[in-house]
Amino acid sequence: MPMTVDQVLAETSCWPSGQVEELIERLLLTNHRLNDLTMDKGWAEEINRRIDDIESCRGVGIPGEEVMARVRKNVGL
């Protein structure tokens, strides 16, 4: 009989985080046919670069309220 989700969670709860991340990536790629995760890794690098820029005062963020107002305007809400 296949393992339940609760059994999988219990089994993986003591795994190192790297193994859990690999399992999640493989599940997503296999079962949900997502695109290559290298694109996601590229976005992660870009996000980290932007965070570094903001934290070191090399860049300035846009307040969330302003971003959402722009989005609402663009989609006609």
N, C-alpha and C. Protein backbone atom coordinates (compact mmCIF):
# COMPACT_ATOMS: atom_id res chain seq x y z
N MET A 1 0.85 -1.18 0.00
CA MET A 1 0.00 0.00 0.00
C MET A 1 0.89 1.24 0.00
N PRO A 2 0.55 2.27 -0.80
CA PRO A 2 1.36 3.49 -0.85
C PRO A 2 1.35 4.23 0.49
N MET A 3 2.40 5.01 0.70
CA MET A 3 2.49 5.82 1.92
C MET A 3 1.49 6.97 1.85
N THR A 4 0.98 7.36 3.00
CA THR A 4 0.12 8.53 3.07
C THR A 4 0.99 9.78 3.14
N VAL A 5 0.38 10.93 2.93
CA VAL A 5 1.10 12.19 3.04
C VAL A 5 1.67 12.34 4.45
N ASP A 6 0.88 11.99 5.45
CA ASP A 6 1.36 12.08 6.83
C ASP A 6 2.56 11.17 7.07
N GLN A 7 2.56 10.00 6.46
CA GLN A 7 3.70 9.09 6.61
C GLN A 7 4.94 9.66 5.92
N VAL A 8 4.74 10.27 4.77
CA VAL A 8 5.88 10.89 4.07
C VAL A 8 6.44 12.02 4.90
N LEU A 9 5.57 12.86 5.47
CA LEU A 9 6.03 13.95 6.33
C LEU A 9 6.79 13.43 7.53
N ALA A 10 6.28 12.39 8.16
CA ALA A 10 6.97 11.81 9.31
C ALA A 10 8.32 11.24 8.91
N GLU A 11 8.36 10.56 7.78
CA GLU A 11 9.60 9.95 7.31
C GLU A 11 10.65 11.01 6.99
N THR A 12 10.25 12.11 6.39
CA THR A 12 11.21 13.11 5.93
C THR A 12 11.51 14.18 6.98
N SER A 13 10.85 14.14 8.12
CA SER A 13 11.04 15.18 9.13
C SER A 13 12.46 15.22 9.69
N CYS A 14 13.17 14.12 9.63
CA CYS A 14 14.53 14.10 10.16
C CYS A 14 15.59 14.17 9.06
N TRP A 15 15.17 14.35 7.81
CA TRP A 15 16.12 14.45 6.70
C TRP A 15 16.83 15.80 6.74
N PRO A 16 18.04 15.86 6.23
CA PRO A 16 18.71 17.16 6.08
C PRO A 16 17.94 18.02 5.07
N SER A 17 17.99 19.33 5.26
CA SER A 17 17.20 20.22 4.42
C SER A 17 17.53 20.07 2.93
N GLY A 18 18.77 19.78 2.60
CA GLY A 18 19.15 19.60 1.20
C GLY A 18 18.40 18.45 0.55
N GLN A 19 18.23 17.37 1.29
CA GLN A 19 17.50 16.22 0.75
C GLN A 19 16.02 16.54 0.59
N VAL A 20 15.46 17.29 1.52
CA VAL A 20 14.05 17.67 1.42
C VAL A 20 13.85 18.57 0.20
N GLU A 21 14.76 19.53 0.00
CA GLU A 21 14.67 20.41 -1.17
C GLU A 21 14.74 19.61 -2.46
N GLU A 22 15.64 18.64 -2.51
CA GLU A 22 15.76 17.82 -3.71
C GLU A 22 14.48 17.03 -3.95
N LEU A 23 13.91 16.48 -2.89
CA LEU A 23 12.66 15.73 -3.03
C LEU A 23 11.55 16.63 -3.59
N ILE A 24 11.45 17.83 -3.04
CA ILE A 24 10.41 18.75 -3.50
C ILE A 24 10.61 19.10 -4.97
N GLU A 25 11.84 19.42 -5.36
CA GLU A 25 12.12 19.74 -6.75
C GLU A 25 11.77 18.58 -7.67
N ARG A 26 12.15 17.39 -7.26
CA ARG A 26 11.88 16.22 -8.10
C ARG A 26 10.40 15.93 -8.19
N LEU A 27 9.67 16.10 -7.10
CA LEU A 27 8.22 15.91 -7.13
C LEU A 27 7.56 16.91 -8.07
N LEU A 28 7.98 18.16 -7.97
CA LEU A 28 7.40 19.18 -8.83
C LEU A 28 7.69 18.91 -10.30
N LEU A 29 8.92 18.54 -10.59
CA LEU A 29 9.28 18.27 -11.99
C LEU A 29 8.59 17.03 -12.53
N THR A 30 8.48 16.00 -11.71
CA THR A 30 7.92 14.74 -12.16
C THR A 30 6.40 14.78 -12.24
N ASN A 31 5.77 15.23 -11.18
CA ASN A 31 4.32 15.14 -11.08
C ASN A 31 3.58 16.33 -11.68
N HIS A 32 4.21 17.45 -11.74
CA HIS A 32 3.51 18.64 -12.21
C HIS A 32 4.10 19.20 -13.48
N ARG A 33 5.10 18.54 -14.01
CA ARG A 33 5.72 18.89 -15.26
C ARG A 33 6.05 20.38 -15.36
N LEU A 34 6.67 20.88 -14.31
CA LEU A 34 7.10 22.27 -14.32
C LEU A 34 8.31 22.43 -15.21
N ASN A 35 8.55 23.65 -15.64
CA ASN A 35 9.72 23.94 -16.44
C ASN A 35 10.98 23.68 -15.63
N ASP A 36 12.06 23.69 -16.33
CA ASP A 36 13.36 23.49 -15.69
C ASP A 36 13.54 24.46 -14.54
N LEU A 37 13.93 23.95 -13.39
CA LEU A 37 14.07 24.80 -12.21
C LEU A 37 15.27 25.72 -12.26
N THR A 38 16.11 25.62 -13.30
CA THR A 38 17.21 26.55 -13.40
C THR A 38 16.69 27.97 -13.58
N MET A 39 15.50 28.11 -14.18
CA MET A 39 14.91 29.43 -14.30
C MET A 39 14.58 29.95 -12.91
N ASP A 40 14.04 29.11 -12.06
CA ASP A 40 13.75 29.51 -10.69
C ASP A 40 15.03 29.89 -9.95
N LYS A 41 16.10 29.16 -10.19
CA LYS A 41 17.38 29.47 -9.54
C LYS A 41 17.88 30.83 -10.01
N GLY A 42 17.68 31.12 -11.29
CA GLY A 42 18.06 32.43 -11.82
C GLY A 42 17.28 33.55 -11.15
N TRP A 43 15.99 33.32 -10.95
CA TRP A 43 15.18 34.32 -10.26
C TRP A 43 15.62 34.46 -8.82
N ALA A 44 15.97 33.36 -8.18
CA ALA A 44 16.44 33.43 -6.79
C ALA A 44 17.71 34.27 -6.71
N GLU A 45 18.61 34.10 -7.67
CA GLU A 45 19.83 34.90 -7.69
C GLU A 45 19.50 36.38 -7.88
N GLU A 46 18.55 36.67 -8.77
CA GLU A 46 18.15 38.06 -9.01
C GLU A 46 17.52 38.67 -7.76
N ILE A 47 16.67 37.92 -7.10
CA ILE A 47 16.04 38.40 -5.86
C ILE A 47 17.10 38.70 -4.81
N ASN A 48 18.05 37.78 -4.65
CA ASN A 48 19.12 38.01 -3.67
C ASN A 48 19.95 39.23 -4.03
N ARG A 49 20.20 39.44 -5.32
CA ARG A 49 20.95 40.62 -5.75
C ARG A 49 20.18 41.89 -5.41
N ARG A 50 18.88 41.87 -5.67
CA ARG A 50 18.06 43.05 -5.37
C ARG A 50 17.99 43.33 -3.87
N ILE A 51 17.88 42.28 -3.07
CA ILE A 51 17.86 42.45 -1.62
C ILE A 51 19.18 43.05 -1.16
N ASP A 52 20.29 42.53 -1.68
CA ASP A 52 21.61 43.08 -1.33
C ASP A 52 21.70 44.55 -1.70
N ASP A 53 21.17 44.90 -2.89
CA ASP A 53 21.20 46.30 -3.32
C ASP A 53 20.42 47.19 -2.36
N ILE A 54 19.25 46.74 -1.94
CA ILE A 54 18.43 47.54 -1.03
C ILE A 54 19.09 47.65 0.34
N GLU A 55 19.59 46.53 0.85
CA GLU A 55 20.20 46.54 2.19
C GLU A 55 21.48 47.37 2.23
N SER A 56 22.18 47.47 1.10
CA SER A 56 23.43 48.25 1.07
C SER A 56 23.20 49.67 0.55
N CYS A 57 21.93 50.05 0.38
CA CYS A 57 21.54 51.39 -0.09
C CYS A 57 21.97 51.68 -1.52
N ARG A 58 22.26 50.64 -2.31
CA ARG A 58 22.56 50.84 -3.73
C ARG A 58 21.28 50.90 -4.55
N GLY A 59 20.18 50.47 -3.96
CA GLY A 59 18.89 50.47 -4.66
C GLY A 59 17.79 50.86 -3.70
N VAL A 60 16.66 51.26 -4.27
CA VAL A 60 15.52 51.68 -3.46
C VAL A 60 14.32 50.85 -3.88
N GLY A 61 13.61 50.32 -2.92
CA GLY A 61 12.41 49.55 -3.22
C GLY A 61 11.21 50.44 -3.43
N ILE A 62 10.15 49.87 -3.97
CA ILE A 62 8.89 50.57 -4.15
C ILE A 62 7.94 50.04 -3.09
N PRO A 63 7.28 50.92 -2.34
CA PRO A 63 6.34 50.45 -1.31
C PRO A 63 5.27 49.55 -1.90
N GLY A 64 4.90 48.53 -1.15
CA GLY A 64 3.92 47.56 -1.60
C GLY A 64 2.61 48.19 -2.02
N GLU A 65 2.16 49.22 -1.28
CA GLU A 65 0.90 49.88 -1.61
C GLU A 65 0.97 50.50 -3.01
N GLU A 66 2.12 51.09 -3.32
CA GLU A 66 2.28 51.70 -4.64
C GLU A 66 2.30 50.64 -5.74
N VAL A 67 2.98 49.55 -5.48
CA VAL A 67 3.03 48.46 -6.45
C VAL A 67 1.63 47.93 -6.72
N MET A 68 0.87 47.69 -5.65
CA MET A 68 -0.48 47.15 -5.82
C MET A 68 -1.39 48.14 -6.54
N ALA A 69 -1.24 49.44 -6.27
CA ALA A 69 -2.03 50.45 -6.97
C ALA A 69 -1.72 50.41 -8.47
N ARG A 70 -0.45 50.26 -8.82
CA ARG A 70 -0.07 50.16 -10.23
C ARG A 70 -0.67 48.91 -10.88
N VAL A 71 -0.61 47.79 -10.15
CA VAL A 71 -1.16 46.54 -10.68
C VAL A 71 -2.66 46.69 -10.90
N ARG A 72 -3.37 47.24 -9.91
CA ARG A 72 -4.82 47.42 -10.05
C ARG A 72 -5.14 48.31 -11.24
N LYS A 73 -4.37 49.36 -11.43
CA LYS A 73 -4.59 50.27 -12.56
C LYS A 73 -4.36 49.54 -13.88
N ASN A 74 -3.29 48.75 -13.93
CA ASN A 74 -2.95 48.04 -15.17
C ASN A 74 -3.98 46.98 -15.55
N VAL A 75 -4.61 46.37 -14.55
CA VAL A 75 -5.60 45.33 -14.85
C VAL A 75 -7.03 45.87 -14.85
N GLY A 76 -7.16 47.17 -14.63
CA GLY A 76 -8.47 47.79 -14.72
C GLY A 76 -9.35 47.65 -13.49
N LEU A 77 -8.75 47.55 -12.34
CA LEU A 77 -9.54 47.44 -11.09
C LEU A 77 -9.59 48.77 -10.37
